[in-house]
Protein backbone atom coordinates (compact mmCIF):
# COMPACT_ATOMS: atom_id res chain seq x y z
CA MET A 1 -34.81 -93.13 -236.23
CA PRO A 2 -35.33 -93.06 -240.07
CA LEU A 3 -38.52 -91.54 -241.16
CA SER A 4 -39.47 -94.68 -243.00
CA SER A 5 -39.39 -96.73 -240.04
CA ILE A 6 -42.03 -94.70 -238.09
CA PRO A 7 -45.04 -95.98 -240.21
CA ARG A 8 -43.89 -99.57 -239.51
CA ARG A 9 -43.63 -98.85 -235.76
CA ILE A 10 -47.12 -97.30 -235.70
CA ALA A 11 -48.49 -100.29 -237.52
CA LEU A 12 -46.84 -102.71 -235.30
CA SER A 13 -48.14 -100.87 -232.14
CA GLY A 14 -51.74 -100.86 -233.57
CA LEU A 15 -51.44 -104.56 -234.31
CA LEU A 16 -50.18 -105.28 -230.79
CA ALA A 17 -52.96 -103.22 -229.43
CA ILE A 18 -55.70 -105.13 -231.34
CA LEU A 19 -54.09 -108.52 -230.46
CA THR A 20 -54.11 -107.59 -226.76
CA LEU A 21 -57.73 -106.20 -226.72
CA GLY A 22 -58.79 -109.54 -228.77
CA ALA A 23 -57.12 -111.83 -226.18
CA GLN A 24 -59.11 -110.41 -223.20
CA THR A 25 -62.10 -111.82 -222.00
CA PRO A 26 -65.54 -109.96 -222.96
CA ALA A 27 -66.86 -108.18 -220.19
CA GLY A 28 -70.26 -109.63 -218.93
CA PRO A 29 -72.20 -111.29 -216.09
CA TYR A 30 -69.71 -114.01 -215.51
CA ASP A 31 -66.88 -113.43 -213.21
CA THR A 32 -64.00 -115.35 -214.96
CA THR A 33 -61.83 -115.21 -211.87
CA ALA A 34 -64.32 -116.30 -209.41
CA ASP A 35 -64.08 -119.53 -207.25
CA ALA A 36 -67.46 -121.04 -208.15
CA HIS A 37 -67.11 -123.60 -205.39
CA LYS A 38 -66.78 -121.08 -202.80
CA ASP A 39 -69.53 -118.90 -204.43
CA ILE A 40 -72.02 -121.82 -204.34
CA ALA A 41 -71.32 -122.72 -200.86
CA ALA A 42 -71.88 -119.18 -199.77
CA ALA A 43 -75.02 -118.94 -201.71
CA GLU A 44 -76.35 -122.15 -200.05
CA GLN A 45 -75.55 -120.75 -196.57
CA ARG A 46 -77.37 -117.53 -197.38
CA ALA A 47 -80.26 -119.58 -198.98
CA LYS A 48 -80.57 -121.57 -195.91
CA ALA A 49 -80.79 -118.64 -193.49
CA SER A 50 -83.06 -116.97 -195.69
CA LYS A 51 -85.29 -119.89 -196.94
CA LYS A 52 -84.43 -119.02 -200.45
CA TYR A 53 -83.60 -121.06 -203.52
CA VAL A 54 -80.17 -121.22 -205.22
CA MET A 55 -80.10 -120.86 -208.99
CA VAL A 56 -76.70 -121.81 -210.36
CA ILE A 57 -76.35 -120.54 -213.79
CA PHE A 58 -73.75 -122.14 -216.13
CA GLY A 59 -72.66 -119.95 -219.02
CA ALA A 60 -70.01 -117.47 -220.47
CA ASN A 61 -69.63 -113.98 -221.38
CA TRP A 62 -69.19 -114.78 -225.13
CA CYS A 63 -72.62 -116.45 -224.94
CA LYS A 64 -75.38 -113.93 -226.18
CA ASP A 65 -78.18 -116.17 -224.44
CA CYS A 66 -76.11 -116.16 -221.38
CA VAL A 67 -75.82 -112.48 -221.34
CA VAL A 68 -79.50 -112.02 -222.33
CA LEU A 69 -80.62 -114.38 -219.44
CA HIS A 70 -78.83 -112.20 -216.92
CA LYS A 71 -80.31 -109.03 -218.43
CA LEU A 72 -83.83 -110.56 -218.05
CA LEU A 73 -83.11 -111.62 -214.43
CA ASP A 74 -82.29 -107.71 -213.72
CA GLU A 75 -85.32 -106.40 -215.42
CA PRO A 76 -87.99 -104.73 -213.15
CA ALA A 77 -90.58 -107.34 -214.14
CA THR A 78 -88.33 -110.09 -212.59
CA LYS A 79 -85.79 -108.53 -210.23
CA ALA A 80 -88.12 -108.09 -207.20
CA TYR A 81 -89.18 -111.87 -207.40
CA VAL A 82 -85.66 -112.96 -208.02
CA ASP A 83 -84.30 -110.96 -205.04
CA ALA A 84 -87.19 -112.56 -202.82
CA HIS A 85 -86.74 -115.97 -203.85
CA PHE A 86 -83.24 -116.70 -205.21
CA GLU A 87 -79.68 -116.70 -204.44
CA ILE A 88 -78.08 -116.64 -207.87
CA VAL A 89 -74.63 -117.93 -208.71
CA GLY A 90 -72.99 -117.49 -212.09
CA VAL A 91 -70.61 -120.22 -213.08
CA ASP A 92 -68.05 -119.17 -215.87
CA LEU A 93 -67.31 -122.29 -218.19
CA GLY A 94 -65.09 -120.38 -220.27
CA ARG A 95 -64.81 -122.27 -223.79
CA PHE A 96 -66.38 -125.48 -221.91
CA ASP A 97 -62.83 -125.80 -220.38
CA LYS A 98 -63.55 -124.41 -216.79
CA GLN A 99 -65.50 -125.71 -213.84
CA MET A 100 -67.11 -128.24 -215.66
CA ASP A 101 -66.81 -130.65 -212.53
CA ILE A 102 -69.52 -128.41 -210.95
CA ALA A 103 -71.88 -129.13 -213.70
CA LYS A 104 -71.33 -132.63 -213.31
CA THR A 105 -71.59 -132.66 -209.53
CA LEU A 106 -74.97 -130.78 -210.01
CA LYS A 107 -76.07 -133.11 -212.73
CA VAL A 108 -76.48 -130.32 -215.16
CA ASP A 109 -76.19 -131.65 -218.83
CA LEU A 110 -74.84 -128.92 -220.99
CA ASP A 111 -75.43 -131.02 -224.34
CA LYS A 112 -78.34 -128.76 -225.10
CA GLY A 113 -76.42 -125.60 -224.88
CA ILE A 114 -75.88 -122.68 -222.33
CA PRO A 115 -77.20 -120.96 -220.34
CA ALA A 116 -78.25 -123.96 -218.18
CA ALA A 117 -79.11 -123.97 -214.55
CA ALA A 118 -79.41 -126.08 -211.51
CA PHE A 119 -81.89 -125.10 -208.69
CA LEU A 120 -81.47 -126.06 -205.14
CA ALA A 121 -83.97 -125.79 -202.34
CA SER A 122 -82.94 -123.88 -199.22
CA ASP A 123 -82.03 -127.35 -197.52
CA GLY A 124 -79.55 -128.06 -200.43
CA SER A 125 -81.78 -130.67 -202.04
CA SER A 126 -82.16 -130.65 -205.80
CA VAL A 127 -85.28 -128.93 -207.17
CA GLY A 128 -84.26 -129.54 -210.91
CA ASN A 129 -82.10 -128.60 -213.81
CA THR A 130 -82.43 -127.41 -217.24
CA ASN A 131 -81.07 -130.22 -218.79
CA ASN A 132 -83.56 -129.99 -221.83
CA GLY A 133 -82.25 -126.53 -223.08
CA GLU A 134 -85.08 -124.65 -221.51
CA LEU A 135 -82.92 -121.47 -221.12
CA GLU A 136 -80.68 -121.82 -224.07
CA PRO A 137 -82.68 -119.64 -226.33
CA SER A 138 -82.93 -116.76 -223.91
CA ARG A 139 -82.74 -114.27 -226.70
CA ASN A 140 -86.23 -115.43 -227.70
CA TYR A 141 -87.68 -114.66 -224.26
CA HIS A 142 -88.87 -111.58 -222.41
CA SER A 143 -89.07 -111.02 -218.72
CA GLU A 144 -92.57 -111.99 -218.06
CA MET A 145 -91.73 -115.67 -219.55
CA ILE A 146 -88.61 -115.76 -217.29
CA LEU A 147 -90.88 -114.76 -214.31
CA HIS A 148 -93.45 -117.58 -215.10
CA PHE A 149 -90.51 -120.04 -215.30
CA LEU A 150 -89.26 -118.95 -211.95
CA HIS A 151 -92.69 -119.28 -210.44
CA GLU A 152 -92.93 -122.85 -211.66
CA VAL A 153 -89.65 -123.51 -209.84
CA VAL A 154 -90.80 -121.98 -206.54
CA ASP A 155 -94.39 -122.91 -206.57
CA ASN A 156 -94.37 -126.20 -208.28
CA HIS A 157 -90.69 -127.37 -208.02
CA LYS A 158 -90.99 -127.88 -211.92
CA ILE A 159 -88.50 -127.07 -214.77
CA VAL A 160 -90.68 -125.93 -217.59
CA LYS A 161 -89.73 -123.96 -220.91
CA PRO A 162 -90.37 -120.35 -220.52
CA GLN A 163 -93.70 -119.23 -222.15
């Protein structure tokens, strides 16, 4: 191979690597290959048996607020409460081109942005949805605000803006 073609091959290999990495879905809390219909059905069964609520969170790994919400739910201030009261299912929406039927079925309006959530009681009935963008600015919240929000869902069956 001529010496002059080596830099070109290296450049092409580097470009291919960059394009391949850029095409991959960012890692995050949403399983992009999950069957959300099955995951929700399984969560509903677990919730029924344990008398918990189901929180179905609609979002995507590219969405900063979606990633922040999942981190807030995992913080010590909220995790124990979440584990005691909720079965959580993350539904990956891709670029609003995946699993939109689930949002429609659960009457979740995504016009105010993501993350958005549907809450179901242990009997499968609807408690409410965040159709007014209550969770969309999650990067502005801290775990105590999310904990208060979740208490309102459990204690009063109300969807309120975290504060």
